[in-house]
N, C-alpha and C. Protein backbone atom coordinates (compact mmCIF):
# COMPACT_ATOMS: atom_id res chain seq x y z
N MET A 1 -18.97 6.47 -4.27
CA MET A 1 -19.46 5.63 -4.72
C MET A 1 -20.32 5.51 -5.76
N PHE A 2 -20.61 4.86 -7.04
CA PHE A 2 -20.87 4.32 -8.25
C PHE A 2 -21.10 2.83 -8.38
N VAL A 3 -21.85 2.80 -9.67
CA VAL A 3 -23.06 2.37 -9.32
C VAL A 3 -22.30 2.20 -11.65
N ALA A 4 -21.56 0.75 -12.01
CA ALA A 4 -21.87 0.65 -13.44
C ALA A 4 -21.80 -0.78 -13.68
N SER A 5 -21.68 -0.94 -15.42
CA SER A 5 -21.88 -2.22 -15.38
C SER A 5 -20.11 -2.50 -15.97
N ALA A 6 -19.48 -4.44 -15.82
CA ALA A 6 -18.11 -4.09 -15.92
C ALA A 6 -17.94 -3.57 -17.85
N GLU A 7 -18.57 -3.28 -19.03
CA GLU A 7 -18.35 -2.78 -19.91
C GLU A 7 -17.26 -1.69 -19.91
N PHE A 8 -17.52 -1.25 -18.56
CA PHE A 8 -17.19 0.48 -17.61
C PHE A 8 -15.34 0.45 -16.77
N VAL A 9 -15.71 -0.71 -16.74
CA VAL A 9 -14.37 -1.19 -15.50
C VAL A 9 -13.22 0.06 -15.89
N THR A 10 -12.60 0.10 -17.37
CA THR A 10 -11.50 0.91 -17.89
C THR A 10 -11.34 1.72 -17.42
N ALA A 11 -12.25 2.35 -17.93
CA ALA A 11 -13.61 3.99 -18.32
C ALA A 11 -13.56 4.32 -16.66
N ALA A 12 -14.03 3.07 -15.83
CA ALA A 12 -14.25 3.71 -14.50
C ALA A 12 -13.05 4.29 -14.29
N ASP A 13 -11.71 3.84 -13.79
CA ASP A 13 -10.27 3.31 -13.12
C ASP A 13 -10.23 4.76 -13.43
N ALA A 14 -9.65 5.05 -14.59
CA ALA A 14 -9.44 5.67 -15.72
C ALA A 14 -9.95 7.52 -15.74
N GLN A 15 -11.71 8.12 -15.69
CA GLN A 15 -12.18 8.35 -14.57
C GLN A 15 -12.09 9.19 -13.61
N ALA A 16 -11.43 8.26 -12.21
CA ALA A 16 -11.69 8.01 -11.05
C ALA A 16 -9.76 8.83 -11.10
N ARG A 17 -9.25 7.87 -11.36
CA ARG A 17 -8.15 8.25 -11.52
C ARG A 17 -8.27 9.91 -11.33
N SER A 18 -8.35 10.65 -12.48
CA SER A 18 -8.45 12.32 -13.53
C SER A 18 -9.46 13.21 -12.93
N LEU A 19 -9.86 12.03 -11.98
CA LEU A 19 -11.33 13.16 -10.91
C LEU A 19 -10.07 12.77 -9.78
N GLY A 20 -8.88 12.82 -9.35
CA GLY A 20 -8.13 12.64 -8.24
C GLY A 20 -9.18 11.58 -7.48
N THR A 21 -9.00 10.57 -8.11
CA THR A 21 -10.58 10.00 -6.57
C THR A 21 -9.68 8.03 -6.66
N PRO A 22 -8.64 7.87 -7.05
CA PRO A 22 -9.47 6.59 -7.95
C PRO A 22 -9.19 5.12 -6.94
N ASP A 23 -9.90 5.92 -5.01
CA ASP A 23 -9.64 4.52 -4.04
C ASP A 23 -11.93 5.09 -4.69
N LEU A 24 -12.55 5.39 -5.34
CA LEU A 24 -13.68 5.70 -5.28
C LEU A 24 -13.96 4.78 -5.09
N ARG A 25 -14.72 4.08 -4.45
CA ARG A 25 -15.87 2.95 -4.31
C ARG A 25 -16.42 2.57 -5.08
N ARG A 26 -17.08 0.97 -6.10
CA ARG A 26 -17.72 1.14 -7.44
C ARG A 26 -18.04 -0.65 -6.85
N VAL A 27 -19.30 -0.46 -7.51
CA VAL A 27 -19.68 -1.95 -8.14
C VAL A 27 -20.53 -2.01 -9.29
N PHE A 28 -18.84 -3.47 -9.61
CA PHE A 28 -20.18 -3.59 -11.83
C PHE A 28 -20.99 -4.36 -11.39
N THR A 29 -21.83 -4.26 -12.69
CA THR A 29 -22.93 -5.27 -12.76
C THR A 29 -22.40 -6.14 -14.00
N GLN A 30 -22.91 -6.75 -14.77
CA GLN A 30 -22.92 -7.87 -15.93
C GLN A 30 -22.71 -6.82 -16.64
N HIS A 31 -22.84 -6.54 -17.75
CA HIS A 31 -23.44 -5.63 -19.45
C HIS A 31 -23.86 -7.11 -20.02
N PRO A 32 -24.89 -6.20 -21.20
CA PRO A 32 -25.19 -5.18 -20.92
C PRO A 32 -26.31 -5.28 -20.57
N ILE A 33 -27.07 -3.38 -19.91
CA ILE A 33 -28.51 -3.56 -18.44
C ILE A 33 -29.16 -3.38 -19.86
N GLN A 34 -29.62 -2.58 -20.46
CA GLN A 34 -30.23 -1.75 -20.93
C GLN A 34 -30.98 -2.05 -22.14
N ASP A 35 -31.46 -3.03 -22.05
CA ASP A 35 -32.76 -3.87 -22.47
C ASP A 35 -33.09 -5.04 -21.62
N ARG A 36 -33.01 -4.75 -20.36
CA ARG A 36 -33.82 -5.17 -19.06
C ARG A 36 -35.12 -5.48 -18.84
N THR A 37 -35.33 -6.06 -18.46
CA THR A 37 -37.17 -5.50 -18.05
C THR A 37 -36.77 -5.75 -16.57
N ASP A 38 -38.22 -4.69 -16.60
CA ASP A 38 -37.92 -4.35 -14.59
C ASP A 38 -37.20 -5.93 -13.50
N ALA A 39 -38.49 -6.61 -13.83
CA ALA A 39 -37.87 -7.77 -13.49
C ALA A 39 -36.49 -9.13 -13.25
N GLU A 40 -36.14 -7.97 -13.96
CA GLU A 40 -34.53 -8.45 -14.29
C GLU A 40 -32.78 -7.57 -13.72
N MET A 41 -33.89 -6.11 -13.85
CA MET A 41 -32.82 -5.05 -13.21
C MET A 41 -33.23 -5.51 -11.71
N LEU A 42 -33.96 -5.34 -11.13
CA LEU A 42 -34.34 -6.22 -9.83
C LEU A 42 -33.67 -7.29 -9.27
N GLU A 43 -33.61 -8.53 -9.92
CA GLU A 43 -33.01 -9.25 -9.57
C GLU A 43 -31.99 -8.86 -9.73
N ILE A 44 -31.09 -8.42 -10.77
CA ILE A 44 -29.59 -7.09 -10.46
C ILE A 44 -29.34 -6.74 -9.28
N ALA A 45 -29.81 -5.90 -8.85
CA ALA A 45 -29.99 -5.03 -8.35
C ALA A 45 -29.49 -6.11 -6.27
N ASP A 46 -30.25 -6.99 -6.56
CA ASP A 46 -30.89 -7.28 -5.43
C ASP A 46 -30.01 -8.31 -4.39
N ARG A 47 -29.08 -8.69 -6.27
CA ARG A 47 -27.70 -9.68 -6.11
C ARG A 47 -26.58 -8.68 -5.47
N HIS A 48 -26.63 -7.05 -5.91
CA HIS A 48 -25.40 -6.77 -5.60
C HIS A 48 -25.51 -6.20 -4.30
N PHE A 49 -26.64 -5.53 -3.88
CA PHE A 49 -27.01 -4.79 -2.69
C PHE A 49 -25.36 -5.52 -1.70
N PRO A 50 -25.46 -6.02 -1.11
CA PRO A 50 -24.52 -6.31 -0.29
C PRO A 50 -23.14 -6.11 -0.98
N GLU A 51 -23.15 -5.55 -1.89
CA GLU A 51 -21.68 -4.77 -2.09
C GLU A 51 -22.60 -3.59 -1.69
N ILE A 52 -22.89 -3.03 -1.98
CA ILE A 52 -23.39 -1.34 -2.71
C ILE A 52 -23.37 -1.14 -1.11
N LEU A 53 -24.31 -1.85 -0.53
CA LEU A 53 -24.11 -1.05 0.69
C LEU A 53 -22.77 -0.88 1.44
N ALA A 54 -22.28 -2.41 1.39
CA ALA A 54 -20.47 -2.40 1.92
C ALA A 54 -19.51 -0.86 1.06
N ALA A 55 -19.76 -1.22 0.40
CA ALA A 55 -19.13 0.38 -0.28
C ALA A 55 -19.97 1.74 0.47
N ILE A 56 -20.96 1.88 0.15
CA ILE A 56 -21.33 2.94 0.65
C ILE A 56 -21.44 3.61 2.16
N THR A 57 -21.06 2.44 3.19
CA THR A 57 -21.03 2.45 4.41
C THR A 57 -19.77 1.54 4.81
N ALA A 58 -18.93 2.03 4.30
CA ALA A 58 -17.23 1.31 4.75
C ALA A 58 -16.66 2.83 5.01
N GLY A 59 -15.54 2.82 6.23
CA GLY A 59 -15.28 3.51 7.32
C GLY A 59 -14.10 4.18 5.35
């Protein structure tokens, strides 16, 4: 399971296929994130937490 910004959907799909893990769970956040404040990053994390939790606990 990994988290990346939406800019990297195509690259993530290609990488997962090339590593033989095309069904690897992933969560994408809005892009860009590099210039976000700590408060903004916490808000993004809180917003995506349910998806992330579901991805890491799904059977």
